[in-house]
Amino acid sequence: MNNGNWLKQIIEETRQLIEQAASGAQRTIVLSPEVVAMLENVRPQAAPSPPFSRETVSEEPADYETGSDLAELEREVAQCTKCGLAKCRTQTVFGDGSPEAKLVFVGEAPGAEEDRQGRPFVGRAGQLLTDIIEKGMKLRRRDVYICNVLKCRPPGNRNPSPEEVYYCEPYLIRQLEIIQPKVICALGKYAAQTLLKNTAPVSRLRGRWWEYHGIPLRVTYHPAYLLRNPNDKKECWDDVKEIVKVLKGEATP
């Protein structure tokens, strides 16, 4: 086999592997225009269609599939009637923020104002969380992603029931799979215990790094708890500083 045929075979096998990966991936595969052109040139003449579409190859960081996958999941959540909360909600509260977020905050459940607006953390606790993100972490709220374990408000803001967590957790798992953040921050008892499958209190779970499906996870106090217990804000700030270090690449969990 001469060098030209040998190189052509290598490139063709590489092209096939990329197509197979792209067909099963949740995210797009980004290639340079030069590589795309090279692979196009070695496409077998008998092939009925071009090897890559705009959904598969992009010169820009791809966020179309991530955003569309979240939108599709949000439509599914909006139709959910698996538990009794569907009968008393105003609307579902799916999530808020960037589909490409490096940091995801997971809370407990929507409150009255969240149920009314359809967005998580928009009441007093939400304002405190926004201050933590923007004033403390020096990030923009729209650049992180915020969601809850439950997507519907429990009546009277009571604690989530095991049945409600059971039916809603798969939606949360799917959100995190789609976004694939660099860090997860669990806000409060129910978020921490649901993600970690650990019944220890927040006071014992915070202050160290955990792992959720390969993603570093930090537990801290829920903003609503901090409004009632302001003396614990310092411990929350300690957790937040560790998250910032990891996001900046200054520390490894």
Protein backbone atom coordinates (compact mmCIF):
# COMPACT_ATOMS: atom_id res chain seq x y z
CA MET A 1 0.00 0.00 0.00
CA ASN A 2 1.49 3.36 -1.01
CA ASN A 3 1.69 6.31 1.38
CA GLY A 4 -1.27 8.09 -0.25
CA ASN A 5 -3.62 5.11 0.12
CA TRP A 6 -2.37 4.46 3.65
CA LEU A 7 -3.08 8.05 4.71
CA LYS A 8 -6.46 7.94 3.02
CA GLN A 9 -7.43 4.80 4.92
CA ILE A 10 -6.38 6.31 8.26
CA ILE A 11 -8.39 9.47 7.59
CA GLU A 12 -11.44 7.48 6.47
CA GLU A 13 -11.37 5.33 9.61
CA THR A 14 -11.04 8.47 11.73
CA ARG A 15 -14.02 10.01 9.96
CA GLN A 16 -16.12 6.91 10.66
CA LEU A 17 -15.20 6.95 14.35
CA ILE A 18 -16.18 10.63 14.62
CA GLU A 19 -19.53 9.99 12.96
CA GLN A 20 -20.24 7.09 15.32
CA ALA A 21 -19.36 9.21 18.35
CA ALA A 22 -21.48 12.11 17.16
CA SER A 23 -24.51 9.88 16.59
CA GLY A 24 -24.55 8.83 20.23
CA ALA A 25 -23.28 11.95 21.96
CA GLN A 26 -25.34 14.49 23.83
CA ARG A 27 -22.96 17.28 22.89
CA THR A 28 -21.60 18.21 19.50
CA ILE A 29 -18.09 17.42 18.29
CA VAL A 30 -16.21 20.59 17.34
CA LEU A 31 -13.69 20.34 14.51
CA SER A 32 -11.66 23.00 12.74
CA PRO A 33 -12.71 23.97 9.19
CA GLU A 34 -9.43 22.51 7.88
CA VAL A 35 -10.14 19.09 9.38
CA VAL A 36 -13.72 19.13 8.13
CA ALA A 37 -12.51 19.95 4.61
CA MET A 38 -9.94 17.16 4.74
CA LEU A 39 -12.51 14.62 5.85
CA GLU A 40 -14.94 15.75 3.18
CA ASN A 41 -12.28 15.16 0.53
CA VAL A 42 -11.84 11.52 1.51
CA ARG A 43 -15.54 10.74 1.63
CA PRO A 44 -16.22 7.62 -0.50
CA GLN A 45 -18.06 8.50 -3.70
CA ALA A 46 -20.75 5.90 -3.05
CA ALA A 47 -21.87 7.60 0.16
CA PRO A 48 -25.36 9.09 -0.26
CA SER A 49 -24.96 12.02 2.13
CA PRO A 50 -22.25 14.37 3.43
CA PRO A 51 -20.41 13.11 6.53
CA PHE A 52 -21.15 16.08 8.78
CA SER A 53 -24.07 18.44 9.18
CA ARG A 54 -24.10 21.78 10.96
CA GLU A 55 -25.46 19.93 14.01
CA THR A 56 -22.34 17.76 14.06
CA VAL A 57 -19.58 20.19 13.12
CA SER A 58 -19.36 23.80 14.21
CA GLU A 59 -16.63 26.38 14.19
CA GLU A 60 -18.08 27.90 17.37
CA PRO A 61 -18.49 26.32 20.84
CA ALA A 62 -21.69 24.33 20.45
CA ASP A 63 -24.59 25.11 22.74
CA TYR A 64 -27.51 24.38 20.42
CA GLU A 65 -27.99 20.76 21.46
CA THR A 66 -27.52 21.48 25.15
CA GLY A 67 -30.08 24.28 25.07
CA SER A 68 -32.54 22.33 22.97
CA ASP A 69 -32.21 19.23 25.16
CA LEU A 70 -32.99 21.33 28.23
CA ALA A 71 -35.94 22.94 26.46
CA GLU A 72 -37.30 19.52 25.52
CA LEU A 73 -36.91 18.31 29.09
CA GLU A 74 -38.61 21.46 30.38
CA ARG A 75 -41.62 20.76 28.16
CA GLU A 76 -41.75 17.22 29.54
CA VAL A 77 -41.62 18.50 33.13
CA ALA A 78 -44.42 21.00 32.43
CA GLN A 79 -46.72 18.09 31.53
CA CYS A 80 -45.77 15.92 34.50
CA THR A 81 -48.63 14.58 36.67
CA LYS A 82 -46.76 11.77 38.44
CA CYS A 83 -47.44 13.05 41.96
CA GLY A 84 -50.10 15.08 43.74
CA LEU A 85 -48.21 18.38 43.42
CA ALA A 86 -49.45 18.65 39.85
CA LYS A 87 -52.95 19.37 41.17
CA CYS A 88 -51.97 22.35 43.31
CA ARG A 89 -49.18 24.08 41.36
CA THR A 90 -49.59 27.28 39.40
CA GLN A 91 -46.83 26.12 37.07
CA THR A 92 -43.70 24.03 37.14
CA VAL A 93 -40.37 25.66 38.05
CA PHE A 94 -37.79 23.97 35.87
CA GLY A 95 -34.56 25.96 36.16
CA ASP A 96 -32.89 29.23 35.31
CA GLY A 97 -29.53 30.22 33.86
CA SER A 98 -27.02 29.18 31.23
CA PRO A 99 -27.17 25.73 29.60
CA GLU A 100 -23.37 25.96 29.41
CA ALA A 101 -22.94 26.81 33.10
CA LYS A 102 -19.80 25.64 34.87
CA LEU A 103 -21.59 25.91 38.21
CA VAL A 104 -25.03 24.53 39.09
CA PHE A 105 -26.86 25.35 42.31
CA VAL A 106 -29.45 22.78 43.42
CA GLY A 107 -32.04 23.79 45.99
CA GLU A 108 -34.98 22.07 47.62
CA ALA A 109 -38.29 23.13 46.07
CA PRO A 110 -40.06 26.22 44.72
CA GLY A 111 -41.74 28.63 47.11
CA ALA A 112 -44.80 30.79 46.60
CA GLU A 113 -43.07 33.46 44.53
CA GLU A 114 -41.25 30.84 42.43
CA ASP A 115 -44.56 29.08 41.79
CA ARG A 116 -46.04 32.39 40.65
CA GLN A 117 -43.17 33.42 38.38
CA GLY A 118 -42.02 30.00 37.17
CA ARG A 119 -38.38 30.74 38.08
CA PRO A 120 -36.31 29.33 40.98
CA PHE A 121 -34.96 31.49 43.81
CA VAL A 122 -36.75 34.78 43.15
CA GLY A 123 -37.98 35.53 46.69
CA ARG A 124 -35.94 36.74 49.67
CA ALA A 125 -33.82 33.59 49.65
CA GLY A 126 -33.32 34.09 45.94
CA GLN A 127 -32.03 37.61 46.47
CA LEU A 128 -29.52 36.33 49.00
CA LEU A 129 -28.39 33.65 46.55
CA THR A 130 -28.03 36.31 43.85
CA ASP A 131 -25.88 38.38 46.23
CA ILE A 132 -23.71 35.33 46.94
CA ILE A 133 -23.23 34.75 43.21
CA GLU A 134 -22.74 38.32 42.05
CA LYS A 135 -21.24 40.15 45.03
CA GLY A 136 -19.41 37.24 46.63
CA MET A 137 -18.34 35.04 43.72
CA LYS A 138 -18.11 37.91 41.19
CA LEU A 139 -20.15 35.94 38.66
CA ARG A 140 -23.29 36.87 36.78
CA ARG A 141 -26.39 35.00 37.86
CA ARG A 142 -27.29 34.32 34.24
CA ASP A 143 -23.96 32.54 33.74
CA VAL A 144 -24.65 29.87 36.37
CA TYR A 145 -27.59 27.46 36.46
CA ILE A 146 -30.09 27.24 39.32
CA CYS A 147 -32.69 24.55 39.88
CA ASN A 148 -34.41 22.53 42.61
CA VAL A 149 -34.91 18.87 43.45
CA LEU A 150 -38.68 19.37 43.14
CA LYS A 151 -40.10 21.19 40.15
CA CYS A 152 -43.43 21.99 41.85
CA ARG A 153 -44.18 23.87 45.05
CA PRO A 154 -45.29 21.73 48.01
CA PRO A 155 -48.40 23.25 49.66
CA GLY A 156 -47.52 25.64 52.46
CA ASN A 157 -43.84 25.28 51.59
CA ARG A 158 -43.71 22.03 53.54
CA ASN A 159 -40.76 19.67 53.19
CA PRO A 160 -40.66 17.42 50.11
CA SER A 161 -42.10 13.96 50.65
CA PRO A 162 -40.11 10.83 49.68
CA GLU A 163 -42.67 10.11 46.95
CA GLU A 164 -42.25 13.59 45.44
CA VAL A 165 -38.45 13.30 45.48
CA TYR A 166 -38.73 9.84 43.89
CA TYR A 167 -40.72 11.11 40.93
CA CYS A 168 -38.84 14.39 40.47
CA GLU A 169 -35.24 13.24 40.93
CA PRO A 170 -34.94 11.75 37.42
CA TYR A 171 -35.59 15.22 35.97
CA LEU A 172 -32.81 16.67 38.11
CA ILE A 173 -30.44 13.88 37.09
CA ARG A 174 -31.20 14.58 33.44
CA GLN A 175 -30.63 18.33 33.88
CA LEU A 176 -27.18 17.69 35.33
CA GLU A 177 -26.35 15.16 32.61
CA ILE A 178 -27.21 17.69 29.92
CA ILE A 179 -25.35 20.63 31.47
CA GLN A 180 -22.31 18.68 32.73
CA PRO A 181 -21.12 21.46 35.05
CA LYS A 182 -17.65 21.73 36.51
CA VAL A 183 -19.03 22.05 40.05
CA ILE A 184 -22.38 21.39 41.76
CA CYS A 185 -23.40 23.29 44.90
CA ALA A 186 -26.12 21.57 46.93
CA LEU A 187 -28.12 24.11 48.92
CA GLY A 188 -29.55 22.63 52.09
CA LYS A 189 -30.60 19.27 53.46
CA TYR A 190 -32.86 17.91 50.73
CA ALA A 191 -30.58 18.80 47.84
CA ALA A 192 -27.54 17.35 49.60
CA GLN A 193 -29.24 14.18 50.78
CA THR A 194 -30.89 13.56 47.41
CA LEU A 195 -27.69 13.98 45.41
CA LEU A 196 -25.38 12.20 47.84
CA LYS A 197 -27.78 9.54 49.15
CA ASN A 198 -26.55 10.46 52.59
CA THR A 199 -28.84 11.22 55.54
CA ALA A 200 -26.28 13.22 57.53
CA PRO A 201 -27.23 16.83 58.39
CA VAL A 202 -25.84 19.73 56.38
CA SER A 203 -23.57 20.70 59.28
CA ARG A 204 -21.71 17.41 58.78
CA LEU A 205 -21.88 17.31 54.97
CA ARG A 206 -20.55 20.82 54.36
CA GLY A 207 -16.91 21.85 54.65
CA ARG A 208 -15.53 19.16 52.34
CA TRP A 209 -15.73 17.98 48.75
CA TRP A 210 -17.97 15.18 47.56
CA GLU A 211 -18.50 13.71 44.11
CA TYR A 212 -21.65 13.30 42.05
CA HIS A 213 -21.15 11.06 38.99
CA GLY A 214 -17.62 12.38 38.61
CA ILE A 215 -18.56 16.03 39.21
CA PRO A 216 -17.16 17.76 42.33
CA LEU A 217 -19.99 18.66 44.71
CA ARG A 218 -19.98 21.06 47.63
CA VAL A 219 -22.72 21.23 50.25
CA THR A 220 -23.64 24.46 51.99
CA TYR A 221 -26.58 26.02 53.80
CA HIS A 222 -29.76 26.95 51.96
CA PRO A 223 -30.23 30.74 51.65
CA ALA A 224 -33.59 30.49 53.45
CA TYR A 225 -31.79 28.89 56.40
CA LEU A 226 -29.20 31.68 56.38
CA LEU A 227 -31.95 34.30 56.58
CA ARG A 228 -33.07 32.65 59.83
CA ASN A 229 -29.54 31.90 61.06
CA PRO A 230 -27.26 34.73 59.88
CA ASN A 231 -24.43 33.59 62.16
CA ASP A 232 -23.83 30.67 59.78
CA LYS A 233 -23.16 32.94 56.81
CA LYS A 234 -19.43 32.72 57.49
CA GLU A 235 -19.45 28.96 57.05
CA CYS A 236 -21.40 29.35 53.82
CA TRP A 237 -18.83 31.88 52.64
CA ASP A 238 -16.05 29.39 53.41
CA ASP A 239 -17.79 26.86 51.13
CA VAL A 240 -18.30 29.46 48.41
CA LYS A 241 -14.63 30.44 48.43
CA GLU A 242 -13.61 26.82 47.86
CA ILE A 243 -15.99 26.60 44.90
CA VAL A 244 -14.50 29.75 43.39
CA LYS A 245 -10.99 28.33 43.71
CA VAL A 246 -11.98 25.21 41.77
CA LEU A 247 -13.79 27.21 39.08
CA LYS A 248 -10.66 29.35 38.61
CA GLY A 249 -8.38 26.31 38.51
CA GLU A 250 -6.61 27.40 41.69
CA ALA A 251 -7.50 24.22 43.58
CA THR A 252 -8.41 20.61 42.86
CA PRO A 253 -11.23 18.97 44.86
